[in-house]
N, C-alpha and C. Protein backbone atom coordinates (compact mmCIF):
# COMPACT_ATOMS: atom_id res chain seq x y z
N MET A 1 92.99 106.45 124.61
CA MET A 1 94.28 106.43 123.63
C MET A 1 95.44 105.70 124.31
N ASP A 2 96.09 104.88 123.82
CA ASP A 2 97.62 104.62 124.40
C ASP A 2 98.60 105.73 123.94
N ASN A 3 98.84 106.30 124.80
CA ASN A 3 99.94 107.30 124.29
C ASN A 3 101.29 106.89 124.11
N ALA A 4 101.41 105.50 124.29
CA ALA A 4 102.76 104.97 123.99
C ALA A 4 102.78 104.53 122.60
N ARG A 5 101.78 104.50 121.92
CA ARG A 5 101.64 103.95 120.74
C ARG A 5 101.89 105.00 119.64
N THR A 6 102.60 104.80 118.64
CA THR A 6 102.63 106.05 117.51
C THR A 6 101.34 105.98 116.60
N ARG A 7 100.66 107.01 116.52
CA ARG A 7 99.48 107.13 115.73
C ARG A 7 99.82 106.97 114.31
N GLN A 8 99.12 106.40 113.46
CA GLN A 8 99.44 106.17 112.24
C GLN A 8 98.31 106.98 111.37
N ALA A 9 98.79 107.90 110.41
CA ALA A 9 98.13 108.79 109.47
C ALA A 9 98.47 108.12 107.92
N LEU A 10 97.16 108.03 107.27
CA LEU A 10 97.35 107.56 105.77
C LEU A 10 97.05 108.59 104.87
N VAL A 11 97.65 109.14 104.08
CA VAL A 11 97.37 110.35 103.29
C VAL A 11 97.16 109.69 101.95
N VAL A 12 95.86 109.82 101.38
CA VAL A 12 95.63 109.31 100.16
C VAL A 12 95.37 110.47 99.30
N ARG A 13 96.04 110.57 98.22
CA ARG A 13 95.96 111.66 97.28
C ARG A 13 96.27 111.20 95.82
N GLY A 14 95.60 112.31 94.84
CA GLY A 14 95.79 112.04 93.56
C GLY A 14 94.49 112.62 93.05
N GLY A 15 94.09 111.83 91.96
CA GLY A 15 92.79 112.54 91.05
C GLY A 15 93.33 113.67 90.19
N TRP A 16 92.17 114.69 90.12
CA TRP A 16 92.59 115.94 89.30
C TRP A 16 93.76 116.85 89.85
N GLU A 17 94.68 116.95 89.03
CA GLU A 17 95.82 117.66 89.29
C GLU A 17 95.50 119.07 89.72
N GLY A 18 94.41 119.54 89.15
CA GLY A 18 94.21 121.13 89.41
C GLY A 18 93.93 121.35 90.85
N HIS A 19 93.87 120.49 91.69
CA HIS A 19 93.71 120.78 93.03
C HIS A 19 95.11 120.36 94.03
N SER A 20 96.04 120.17 92.90
CA SER A 20 97.48 120.07 93.58
C SER A 20 97.59 119.15 94.80
N PRO A 21 97.31 117.93 94.60
CA PRO A 21 97.13 117.06 95.65
C PRO A 21 98.57 116.94 96.44
N VAL A 22 99.91 116.71 95.86
CA VAL A 22 101.06 116.63 96.14
C VAL A 22 101.37 117.73 96.95
N GLY A 23 101.25 119.07 96.32
CA GLY A 23 101.77 120.08 96.92
C GLY A 23 100.66 120.54 98.31
N ALA A 24 99.53 120.23 98.02
CA ALA A 24 98.41 120.60 99.14
C ALA A 24 98.82 119.68 100.38
N THR A 25 98.91 118.32 100.26
CA THR A 25 99.15 117.55 101.46
C THR A 25 100.39 117.61 101.90
N GLU A 26 101.47 117.98 101.26
CA GLU A 26 102.62 118.23 101.60
C GLU A 26 102.80 119.40 102.58
N ARG A 27 101.92 120.40 102.69
CA ARG A 27 101.84 121.58 103.59
C ARG A 27 101.55 120.76 104.90
N PHE A 28 100.78 119.49 105.02
CA PHE A 28 100.36 119.29 106.05
C PHE A 28 101.12 118.05 106.81
N ILE A 29 101.72 117.44 106.08
CA ILE A 29 102.57 116.20 106.50
C ILE A 29 103.53 116.38 107.49
N PRO A 30 104.38 117.28 107.40
CA PRO A 30 105.42 117.94 108.49
C PRO A 30 104.49 118.16 110.01
N PHE A 31 103.51 118.70 109.84
CA PHE A 31 102.66 119.10 110.89
C PHE A 31 102.22 117.76 111.65
N LEU A 32 101.74 116.79 110.65
CA LEU A 32 101.47 115.67 111.44
C LEU A 32 102.56 114.80 112.02
N VAL A 33 103.61 114.92 111.42
CA VAL A 33 105.06 114.22 111.97
C VAL A 33 105.16 115.02 113.41
N GLU A 34 105.29 116.28 113.28
CA GLU A 34 105.52 116.83 114.50
C GLU A 34 104.48 116.53 115.73
N HIS A 35 103.41 116.07 115.37
CA HIS A 35 102.36 115.77 116.45
C HIS A 35 102.30 114.39 116.60
N GLY A 36 103.44 113.53 116.29
CA GLY A 36 103.85 112.31 116.62
C GLY A 36 103.05 111.30 115.75
N PHE A 37 102.66 111.39 114.40
CA PHE A 37 102.16 110.45 113.55
C PHE A 37 103.17 109.93 112.75
N GLU A 38 102.97 108.73 112.62
CA GLU A 38 103.74 107.92 111.35
C GLU A 38 102.90 108.21 110.11
N VAL A 39 103.52 108.63 108.84
CA VAL A 39 102.58 109.02 107.58
C VAL A 39 103.01 107.95 106.69
N ASP A 40 102.00 107.44 106.12
CA ASP A 40 101.99 106.46 105.01
C ASP A 40 101.42 107.11 103.78
N VAL A 41 101.76 107.39 102.60
CA VAL A 41 101.49 108.19 101.59
C VAL A 41 100.93 107.16 100.48
N ARG A 42 99.71 107.29 100.16
CA ARG A 42 99.39 106.52 98.80
C ARG A 42 98.70 107.44 97.73
N ASP A 43 98.87 106.78 96.40
CA ASP A 43 98.52 107.57 95.26
C ASP A 43 97.16 107.30 94.74
N GLY A 44 96.31 106.41 95.55
CA GLY A 44 95.12 106.00 95.20
C GLY A 44 94.24 105.33 96.41
N PRO A 45 93.26 105.10 95.87
CA PRO A 45 92.02 104.59 97.01
C PRO A 45 92.18 102.94 97.21
N GLU A 46 93.04 102.49 96.51
CA GLU A 46 93.18 100.89 96.50
C GLU A 46 93.37 100.64 97.90
N VAL A 47 93.99 101.35 98.69
CA VAL A 47 94.39 100.87 100.01
C VAL A 47 93.20 100.95 100.90
N TYR A 48 92.16 101.54 100.60
CA TYR A 48 90.86 101.22 101.20
C TYR A 48 90.26 100.02 101.32
N ALA A 49 90.77 99.23 100.31
CA ALA A 49 90.01 97.80 100.38
C ALA A 49 90.74 96.88 101.45
N ASP A 50 92.05 97.41 101.80
CA ASP A 50 92.96 96.78 102.93
C ASP A 50 92.45 96.94 104.16
N ALA A 51 91.77 95.96 104.83
CA ALA A 51 90.95 96.06 106.24
C ALA A 51 92.24 96.39 107.12
N ASP A 52 93.04 95.44 107.13
CA ASP A 52 94.07 95.44 108.32
C ASP A 52 94.74 96.74 108.42
N THR A 53 95.24 97.27 107.01
CA THR A 53 95.87 98.54 107.03
C THR A 53 94.99 99.67 107.54
N LEU A 54 93.67 99.70 107.27
CA LEU A 54 92.63 100.76 107.82
C LEU A 54 92.38 100.56 109.27
N ALA A 55 92.28 99.33 109.82
CA ALA A 55 92.26 99.08 111.23
C ALA A 55 93.30 99.67 111.93
N ALA A 56 94.61 99.72 111.45
CA ALA A 56 95.64 100.20 112.10
C ALA A 56 95.81 101.74 111.91
N THR A 57 95.15 102.40 111.18
CA THR A 57 95.12 103.70 110.72
C THR A 57 94.18 104.61 111.62
N ASP A 58 95.00 105.44 112.21
CA ASP A 58 94.08 106.37 113.13
C ASP A 58 93.60 107.74 112.29
N LEU A 59 94.01 107.98 111.37
CA LEU A 59 93.45 109.14 110.78
C LEU A 59 93.83 108.94 108.98
N VAL A 60 92.73 109.21 108.25
CA VAL A 60 93.14 109.15 106.75
C VAL A 60 92.70 110.49 106.51
N VAL A 61 93.86 111.06 105.85
CA VAL A 61 93.75 112.50 105.16
C VAL A 61 93.47 112.25 103.63
N GLN A 62 92.62 112.70 103.09
CA GLN A 62 92.34 112.39 101.61
C GLN A 62 92.22 113.82 100.90
N CYS A 63 93.19 113.66 99.87
CA CYS A 63 93.08 114.78 98.78
C CYS A 63 92.96 113.99 97.39
N TYR A 64 91.74 113.68 97.23
CA TYR A 64 91.53 112.94 95.87
C TYR A 64 90.39 113.30 94.98
N THR A 65 90.56 114.46 94.35
CA THR A 65 89.42 114.92 93.45
C THR A 65 88.94 114.20 92.31
N GLN A 66 87.53 113.81 92.23
CA GLN A 66 87.03 113.15 91.25
C GLN A 66 87.45 111.73 91.36
N GLY A 67 87.66 111.18 90.35
CA GLY A 67 88.33 109.72 90.22
C GLY A 67 87.32 108.76 90.53
N GLU A 68 87.67 107.48 90.73
CA GLU A 68 86.73 106.58 90.91
C GLU A 68 87.30 105.51 91.79
N ALA A 69 86.50 104.70 92.82
CA ALA A 69 86.65 104.07 93.65
C ALA A 69 85.69 102.69 93.48
N THR A 70 86.16 101.71 93.79
CA THR A 70 85.23 100.61 93.79
C THR A 70 84.38 100.42 95.04
N ASP A 71 83.22 99.83 94.79
CA ASP A 71 82.51 99.47 96.13
C ASP A 71 83.29 98.95 97.30
N GLU A 72 84.06 98.10 96.77
CA GLU A 72 84.88 97.45 97.93
C GLU A 72 85.98 98.63 98.47
N GLN A 73 86.36 99.46 98.10
CA GLN A 73 87.12 100.43 98.69
C GLN A 73 86.48 101.50 99.49
N VAL A 74 85.16 101.82 98.78
CA VAL A 74 84.35 102.78 99.52
C VAL A 74 83.70 102.35 100.68
N LEU A 75 83.48 101.16 100.63
CA LEU A 75 82.94 100.43 101.84
C LEU A 75 83.95 100.07 103.07
N GLY A 76 84.94 99.57 102.41
CA GLY A 76 86.02 99.55 103.30
C GLY A 76 86.39 100.75 104.05
N LEU A 77 86.41 101.98 103.60
CA LEU A 77 86.67 103.17 104.18
C LEU A 77 85.62 103.52 105.19
N SER A 78 84.26 103.07 104.60
CA SER A 78 83.34 103.73 105.65
C SER A 78 83.20 102.74 106.78
N ALA A 79 83.64 101.57 106.69
CA ALA A 79 83.70 100.73 107.67
C ALA A 79 84.70 100.93 108.63
N ALA A 80 85.87 101.51 108.10
CA ALA A 80 86.90 101.64 109.18
C ALA A 80 86.48 103.01 109.87
N VAL A 81 86.12 103.81 109.16
CA VAL A 81 85.49 105.15 109.84
C VAL A 81 84.61 105.02 111.07
N ALA A 82 83.45 103.90 110.81
CA ALA A 82 82.45 103.49 111.81
C ALA A 82 83.13 102.85 112.84
N ASN A 83 84.39 102.17 112.74
CA ASN A 83 85.15 101.64 113.82
C ASN A 83 86.00 102.34 114.49
N GLY A 84 86.26 103.61 114.09
CA GLY A 84 87.21 104.62 114.70
C GLY A 84 88.11 105.44 113.92
N THR A 85 88.39 105.09 112.76
CA THR A 85 89.59 105.79 112.09
C THR A 85 88.88 107.17 111.60
N GLY A 86 89.82 108.02 111.87
CA GLY A 86 89.18 109.48 111.57
C GLY A 86 89.56 109.59 110.08
N LEU A 87 88.61 110.60 109.31
CA LEU A 87 88.72 110.93 108.15
C LEU A 87 88.68 112.49 108.03
N ALA A 88 89.62 113.11 107.40
CA ALA A 88 89.62 114.66 107.18
C ALA A 88 90.18 114.88 105.81
N GLY A 89 89.76 115.99 105.27
CA GLY A 89 90.27 116.60 104.02
C GLY A 89 89.58 118.08 103.84
N TRP A 90 89.88 118.44 102.70
CA TRP A 90 89.46 120.02 102.29
C TRP A 90 88.96 120.03 100.61
N HIS A 91 88.35 120.98 100.53
CA HIS A 91 87.85 121.26 98.91
C HIS A 91 87.42 119.74 98.21
N GLY A 92 87.71 119.87 97.12
CA GLY A 92 87.44 118.77 96.21
C GLY A 92 88.11 117.52 96.47
N GLY A 93 89.24 117.60 97.11
CA GLY A 93 89.92 116.40 97.58
C GLY A 93 89.24 115.57 98.40
N VAL A 94 88.08 115.99 99.28
CA VAL A 94 87.14 115.13 99.96
C VAL A 94 85.39 115.30 99.68
N CYS A 95 85.04 116.76 99.17
CA CYS A 95 83.84 116.86 98.83
C CYS A 95 83.44 116.72 97.43
N ASP A 96 84.56 116.50 96.64
CA ASP A 96 84.22 116.10 95.36
C ASP A 96 84.96 114.79 94.72
N SER A 97 84.77 113.91 95.38
CA SER A 97 85.49 112.57 95.09
C SER A 97 84.51 111.53 94.85
N PHE A 98 84.82 110.69 93.91
CA PHE A 98 84.09 109.37 93.76
C PHE A 98 82.62 109.61 93.49
N ARG A 99 82.30 110.73 92.46
CA ARG A 99 80.98 111.19 92.20
C ARG A 99 80.08 109.97 92.07
N GLY A 100 80.51 108.81 91.67
CA GLY A 100 79.60 107.73 91.29
C GLY A 100 79.07 106.97 92.37
N SER A 101 79.82 107.29 93.73
CA SER A 101 79.53 106.33 94.82
C SER A 101 78.50 107.09 95.83
N PRO A 102 77.42 106.51 96.13
CA PRO A 102 76.50 106.84 97.13
C PRO A 102 77.00 106.79 98.27
N ASP A 103 77.60 105.53 98.41
CA ASP A 103 78.17 105.39 99.84
C ASP A 103 79.35 106.29 100.20
N TYR A 104 79.78 106.65 99.41
CA TYR A 104 80.98 107.85 99.85
C TYR A 104 80.19 109.16 100.19
N LEU A 105 79.36 109.57 99.37
CA LEU A 105 78.48 110.68 99.65
C LEU A 105 77.81 110.44 101.14
N HIS A 106 77.19 109.28 101.29
CA HIS A 106 76.70 109.20 102.73
C HIS A 106 77.72 109.21 103.96
N LEU A 107 78.85 108.88 103.49
CA LEU A 107 80.08 108.89 104.54
C LEU A 107 80.39 110.35 104.77
N THR A 108 80.47 111.15 103.91
CA THR A 108 80.94 112.40 103.92
C THR A 108 80.18 113.44 104.16
N GLY A 109 78.98 113.16 103.92
CA GLY A 109 77.64 114.25 104.32
C GLY A 109 77.61 115.44 103.18
N GLY A 110 78.35 115.49 102.25
CA GLY A 110 78.24 116.49 101.29
C GLY A 110 79.08 116.33 100.21
N GLN A 111 78.56 117.07 99.13
CA GLN A 111 78.87 116.92 97.65
C GLN A 111 78.85 118.29 96.91
N TRP A 112 80.05 118.41 96.33
CA TRP A 112 80.29 119.79 95.76
C TRP A 112 79.12 119.90 94.67
N ALA A 113 78.62 120.88 94.44
CA ALA A 113 77.54 121.20 93.05
C ALA A 113 78.05 121.97 92.11
N ALA A 114 78.43 123.28 92.64
CA ALA A 114 79.16 124.22 91.65
C ALA A 114 79.88 125.16 92.42
N HIS A 115 80.81 126.04 91.72
CA HIS A 115 81.37 127.35 92.32
C HIS A 115 81.09 128.54 91.30
N PRO A 116 79.98 128.99 91.33
CA PRO A 116 79.46 130.08 90.71
C PRO A 116 80.63 131.23 90.50
N GLY A 117 80.80 131.58 89.37
CA GLY A 117 81.98 132.63 88.92
C GLY A 117 83.40 132.37 88.85
N GLY A 118 83.51 131.08 89.10
CA GLY A 118 84.99 130.71 89.16
C GLY A 118 85.67 131.24 90.78
N PHE A 119 86.86 132.09 90.43
CA PHE A 119 87.39 132.84 91.61
C PHE A 119 86.57 134.05 91.83
N VAL A 120 85.93 134.01 93.09
CA VAL A 120 85.28 135.24 93.56
C VAL A 120 85.65 135.84 94.73
N GLU A 121 85.30 136.89 95.32
CA GLU A 121 85.90 137.26 96.69
C GLU A 121 84.55 137.07 97.47
N HIS A 122 84.73 136.56 98.61
CA HIS A 122 83.36 136.21 99.49
C HIS A 122 83.96 136.02 100.83
N GLU A 123 83.01 135.73 101.59
CA GLU A 123 83.38 135.66 103.13
C GLU A 123 83.00 134.14 103.72
N VAL A 124 83.80 133.52 104.60
CA VAL A 124 83.24 132.47 105.25
C VAL A 124 83.30 133.01 106.64
N GLU A 125 82.09 132.70 107.11
CA GLU A 125 81.57 133.05 108.38
C GLU A 125 81.45 131.99 109.40
N VAL A 126 82.32 132.31 110.68
CA VAL A 126 81.88 131.32 111.65
C VAL A 126 80.54 131.19 112.15
N ARG A 127 79.92 130.25 112.32
CA ARG A 127 78.41 130.38 112.76
C ARG A 127 78.72 130.50 114.46
N PRO A 128 78.03 131.70 114.88
CA PRO A 128 78.27 132.25 116.23
C PRO A 128 78.00 131.29 117.13
N GLU A 129 76.86 130.63 117.19
CA GLU A 129 76.56 129.48 118.38
C GLU A 129 77.50 128.31 118.22
N ARG A 130 78.39 128.31 117.20
CA ARG A 130 79.21 127.27 117.25
C ARG A 130 80.82 127.91 117.46
N ALA A 131 80.96 129.23 117.89
CA ALA A 131 82.30 129.63 117.82
C ALA A 131 83.11 129.24 119.14
N ASP A 132 82.53 128.52 119.88
CA ASP A 132 83.23 128.04 120.97
C ASP A 132 83.80 126.57 120.76
N HIS A 133 83.41 126.12 119.72
CA HIS A 133 83.99 124.88 119.21
C HIS A 133 85.45 124.71 119.15
N GLU A 134 86.27 123.72 119.49
CA GLU A 134 87.61 123.43 119.64
C GLU A 134 88.07 123.92 118.26
N LEU A 135 87.63 123.58 117.13
CA LEU A 135 88.02 123.93 115.72
C LEU A 135 88.06 125.24 115.30
N VAL A 136 87.23 126.01 115.79
CA VAL A 136 86.97 127.49 115.30
C VAL A 136 87.63 128.46 116.62
N ALA A 137 87.44 128.00 117.67
CA ALA A 137 87.68 128.96 118.99
C ALA A 137 88.94 129.84 118.57
N GLY A 138 88.64 131.14 118.91
CA GLY A 138 89.75 131.87 118.55
C GLY A 138 90.15 132.40 117.17
N LEU A 139 89.51 131.89 116.28
CA LEU A 139 89.54 132.18 114.89
C LEU A 139 88.79 133.51 114.65
N ARG A 140 89.12 134.31 113.58
CA ARG A 140 88.45 135.28 113.42
C ARG A 140 87.13 135.09 113.05
N PRO A 141 85.91 135.82 113.47
CA PRO A 141 84.60 135.46 112.90
C PRO A 141 84.25 135.31 111.42
N ARG A 142 84.97 136.32 110.75
CA ARG A 142 84.85 136.32 109.46
C ARG A 142 86.24 136.15 108.51
N TRP A 143 86.35 135.59 107.39
CA TRP A 143 87.33 135.33 106.61
C TRP A 143 87.17 135.89 105.05
N SER A 144 87.81 136.63 104.80
CA SER A 144 87.64 136.98 103.55
C SER A 144 88.77 136.44 102.54
N LEU A 145 88.25 135.66 101.39
CA LEU A 145 88.90 134.92 100.45
C LEU A 145 88.59 135.18 99.12
N ASP A 146 89.73 135.19 98.08
CA ASP A 146 89.45 135.32 96.65
C ASP A 146 89.73 134.02 96.06
N THR A 147 88.59 133.09 95.99
CA THR A 147 89.03 131.62 95.23
C THR A 147 87.77 131.19 95.05
N GLU A 148 87.56 129.78 94.60
CA GLU A 148 86.39 129.04 94.48
C GLU A 148 85.42 129.37 95.57
N GLN A 149 84.37 129.54 95.67
CA GLN A 149 83.22 129.52 96.73
C GLN A 149 82.45 128.25 96.47
N TYR A 150 82.58 127.03 97.29
CA TYR A 150 81.86 126.06 96.98
C TYR A 150 80.48 125.86 97.32
N TRP A 151 79.47 125.90 96.55
CA TRP A 151 77.96 125.60 96.71
C TRP A 151 78.05 123.90 96.93
N VAL A 152 77.79 123.60 98.08
CA VAL A 152 77.47 121.99 98.39
C VAL A 152 76.17 121.66 98.64
N LEU A 153 75.84 120.47 98.39
CA LEU A 153 74.82 119.79 98.96
C LEU A 153 75.21 118.86 100.12
N THR A 154 74.33 118.95 101.39
CA THR A 154 74.60 118.37 102.33
C THR A 154 73.45 117.85 103.21
N ASP A 155 73.82 117.10 104.43
CA ASP A 155 72.59 116.74 104.95
C ASP A 155 72.73 117.28 106.48
N GLY A 156 71.58 116.76 107.47
CA GLY A 156 71.48 117.50 108.45
C GLY A 156 72.27 116.72 109.64
N LEU A 157 73.03 115.76 109.16
CA LEU A 157 73.79 114.93 110.25
C LEU A 157 75.25 115.82 110.60
N ASN A 158 75.60 116.82 109.73
CA ASN A 158 76.69 117.53 110.02
C ASN A 158 76.59 118.62 111.17
N ASP A 159 77.64 118.96 111.57
CA ASP A 159 77.62 119.93 112.57
C ASP A 159 78.53 120.93 111.79
N VAL A 160 77.71 121.94 111.28
CA VAL A 160 78.24 122.88 110.69
C VAL A 160 78.83 123.86 111.57
N LEU A 161 80.18 124.26 111.26
CA LEU A 161 80.96 125.38 112.02
C LEU A 161 81.08 126.66 111.31
N ALA A 162 81.09 126.61 109.89
CA ALA A 162 81.26 127.90 109.11
C ALA A 162 80.39 127.72 107.85
N THR A 163 79.99 128.73 107.49
CA THR A 163 79.07 128.84 106.31
C THR A 163 79.74 129.96 105.46
N THR A 164 79.11 129.95 104.05
CA THR A 164 79.26 131.11 103.20
C THR A 164 78.07 131.28 102.44
N THR A 165 77.86 132.71 101.91
CA THR A 165 76.63 132.87 101.35
C THR A 165 76.81 133.36 100.19
N PHE A 166 76.15 132.93 99.10
CA PHE A 166 75.93 133.28 97.70
C PHE A 166 74.81 134.39 97.46
N GLN A 167 75.16 135.38 97.21
CA GLN A 167 74.29 136.67 96.79
C GLN A 167 73.82 136.44 95.16
N PRO A 168 72.36 137.00 95.22
CA PRO A 168 72.04 136.75 93.71
C PRO A 168 72.38 137.89 92.97
N ALA A 169 72.75 137.71 91.88
CA ALA A 169 72.92 139.18 90.98
C ALA A 169 72.31 138.94 89.88
N GLU A 170 72.32 140.06 88.81
CA GLU A 170 71.78 140.06 87.43
C GLU A 170 72.13 138.68 86.77
N GLY A 171 71.36 137.83 86.29
CA GLY A 171 71.68 136.69 85.41
C GLY A 171 71.71 135.50 86.13
N THR A 172 72.16 135.62 87.63
CA THR A 172 72.21 134.37 88.39
C THR A 172 70.60 133.58 88.46
N PRO A 173 70.67 132.22 88.42
CA PRO A 173 69.47 131.75 88.33
C PRO A 173 68.73 131.55 89.80
N TRP A 174 69.50 131.85 90.89
CA TRP A 174 68.90 131.87 92.02
C TRP A 174 68.64 133.45 92.44
N ARG A 175 67.43 133.46 93.03
CA ARG A 175 66.92 134.91 93.43
C ARG A 175 66.77 135.34 94.64
N GLU A 176 67.49 134.68 95.51
CA GLU A 176 67.40 134.97 97.08
C GLU A 176 68.89 134.60 97.51
N PRO A 177 69.41 134.86 98.67
CA PRO A 177 70.75 134.68 99.18
C PRO A 177 70.63 133.15 99.61
N LEU A 178 71.71 132.41 99.46
CA LEU A 178 71.66 130.89 99.72
C LEU A 178 73.00 130.94 100.40
N THR A 179 72.92 130.21 101.61
CA THR A 179 73.86 129.83 102.66
C THR A 179 74.38 128.45 102.68
N CYS A 180 75.46 128.08 102.48
CA CYS A 180 75.93 126.89 102.21
C CYS A 180 76.80 126.54 103.51
N PRO A 181 77.05 125.26 103.92
CA PRO A 181 77.92 124.87 104.88
C PRO A 181 79.40 125.27 104.29
N ALA A 182 80.46 125.38 104.83
CA ALA A 182 81.92 125.79 104.58
C ALA A 182 82.69 124.97 105.15
N VAL A 183 82.34 124.52 106.53
CA VAL A 183 83.19 123.57 107.47
C VAL A 183 82.41 122.73 108.16
N TRP A 184 82.24 121.49 108.21
CA TRP A 184 81.54 120.85 109.02
C TRP A 184 82.33 119.62 109.53
N THR A 185 81.79 119.04 110.73
CA THR A 185 82.31 118.01 111.09
C THR A 185 81.19 116.78 111.29
N ARG A 186 81.47 115.59 111.42
CA ARG A 186 80.29 114.66 111.21
C ARG A 186 80.71 113.47 112.10
N ARG A 187 79.74 112.77 112.97
CA ARG A 187 80.17 111.60 113.64
C ARG A 187 79.82 110.43 112.60
N TRP A 188 80.54 109.26 112.68
CA TRP A 188 80.25 108.21 111.75
C TRP A 188 80.60 107.14 112.52
N GLY A 189 79.58 106.55 113.41
CA GLY A 189 79.90 105.28 114.13
C GLY A 189 80.68 105.75 115.30
N ALA A 190 81.88 104.97 115.37
CA ALA A 190 83.02 105.51 116.47
C ALA A 190 83.78 106.50 115.92
N GLY A 191 83.67 106.94 114.63
CA GLY A 191 84.61 107.59 113.89
C GLY A 191 84.35 109.19 113.63
N ARG A 192 85.23 110.09 113.28
CA ARG A 192 85.01 111.36 113.26
C ARG A 192 85.25 112.10 111.95
N VAL A 193 84.44 112.70 111.16
CA VAL A 193 84.94 113.16 109.76
C VAL A 193 85.09 114.72 109.79
N PHE A 194 86.01 115.24 109.39
CA PHE A 194 86.25 116.61 109.26
C PHE A 194 86.13 117.10 107.83
N VAL A 195 85.76 117.97 107.56
CA VAL A 195 85.46 118.52 106.00
C VAL A 195 85.59 120.00 105.99
N SER A 196 86.47 120.39 105.26
CA SER A 196 86.54 122.21 105.03
C SER A 196 86.40 122.03 103.62
N THR A 197 85.64 123.24 102.86
CA THR A 197 85.14 123.23 101.35
C THR A 197 86.41 124.24 100.87
N ILE A 198 87.28 124.81 101.71
CA ILE A 198 88.38 125.73 101.32
C ILE A 198 89.57 125.14 100.89
N GLY A 199 90.31 125.75 99.94
CA GLY A 199 91.67 125.23 99.46
C GLY A 199 91.82 124.69 98.13
N HIS A 200 91.07 125.70 97.05
CA HIS A 200 91.50 125.36 95.68
C HIS A 200 92.96 125.71 95.35
N LYS A 201 93.51 126.77 95.80
CA LYS A 201 94.60 127.25 95.57
C LYS A 201 95.59 126.78 96.75
N LEU A 202 96.80 126.64 96.48
CA LEU A 202 97.77 126.45 97.51
C LEU A 202 97.95 127.29 98.64
N GLU A 203 97.73 128.72 98.04
CA GLU A 203 97.84 129.92 98.81
C GLU A 203 96.56 130.11 99.83
N ASP A 204 95.43 129.33 99.17
CA ASP A 204 94.35 129.31 100.28
C ASP A 204 94.49 128.51 101.59
N LEU A 205 95.29 127.57 101.47
CA LEU A 205 95.69 126.71 102.74
C LEU A 205 96.66 127.43 103.50
N ASP A 206 97.20 128.47 102.98
CA ASP A 206 98.46 129.12 103.78
C ASP A 206 97.63 130.54 104.65
N HIS A 207 96.49 130.75 104.25
CA HIS A 207 95.51 131.95 105.03
C HIS A 207 95.60 131.36 106.51
N PRO A 208 95.90 132.18 107.29
CA PRO A 208 96.56 131.75 108.75
C PRO A 208 95.03 131.20 109.30
N ASP A 209 93.73 131.54 109.23
CA ASP A 209 92.61 130.89 109.74
C ASP A 209 92.51 129.70 109.13
N VAL A 210 92.57 129.75 107.90
CA VAL A 210 92.36 128.25 107.05
C VAL A 210 93.43 127.23 107.54
N ARG A 211 94.65 127.60 107.54
CA ARG A 211 95.71 126.69 108.28
C ARG A 211 95.65 126.14 109.64
N THR A 212 95.09 127.30 110.53
CA THR A 212 94.87 126.56 111.73
C THR A 212 93.78 125.71 112.07
N LEU A 213 92.51 126.21 111.25
CA LEU A 213 91.37 125.35 111.01
C LEU A 213 91.78 123.85 110.57
N THR A 214 92.46 123.82 109.45
CA THR A 214 92.72 122.76 108.91
C THR A 214 93.66 121.76 109.91
N GLN A 215 94.49 122.39 110.39
CA GLN A 215 95.51 121.67 111.33
C GLN A 215 94.66 121.32 112.48
N ARG A 216 93.93 121.89 112.86
CA ARG A 216 93.11 121.45 114.18
C ARG A 216 92.04 120.21 113.72
N GLY A 217 91.52 120.67 112.41
CA GLY A 217 90.70 119.34 112.00
C GLY A 217 91.22 117.94 111.71
N LEU A 218 92.51 118.08 111.32
CA LEU A 218 93.07 116.80 111.37
C LEU A 218 93.26 116.11 112.59
N LEU A 219 93.75 117.04 113.61
CA LEU A 219 94.00 116.29 114.98
C LEU A 219 92.70 115.66 115.57
N TRP A 220 91.69 116.60 115.40
CA TRP A 220 90.17 116.23 115.97
C TRP A 220 89.70 115.22 115.29
N ALA A 221 89.82 114.88 114.08
CA ALA A 221 89.35 113.79 113.48
C ALA A 221 89.93 112.50 113.72
N SER A 222 91.29 112.41 114.10
CA SER A 222 91.99 111.29 114.52
C SER A 222 91.61 110.57 115.65
N ARG A 223 91.59 109.17 115.64
CA ARG A 223 91.22 108.23 116.66
C ARG A 223 92.13 108.71 117.98
């Protein structure tokens, strides 16, 4: 990387307001600026069809829950990541976006399926065999949260750094404990993808371990 060049971050936010896309991203924009990024904020995925803008972008931070994106937009984002642009995000802003796009799911490697019980007390556990990874090194091995616990459908290309386990209870349709990825990274061509499922509430992002993890994830994903 040419250290003389100012890195470019593109923040794409919007969609369902229940995930506070403005408030959530504003928590991390100053961090990016402090780390030398010039930040461009957009309110929708239309920019993903602009190949020149994406080619000049080192990091896309997406906080856009649900919504729609055209094939041109999604394929533009996927191509940019394959060419080295990083993609990072959290919660539904990245793993519950553009549900009608198989290409987007292919890029990110995971899709939210459910959050049984709504806000529930649960733990996120760093996988012991990945505890030395730079994104989770030095963090506590388990974090207790009281928020949405994401049940996600994922694939084997992901490098899972942390998990969360759903316990069966009376009335649940699953009868055995089910462990889901909670944090993962993914290589896509020359690019890197970082996904954390944590962050329904703004205060979730202020949890010390979650905040540190997310900040590290943004820097890790960047070109």
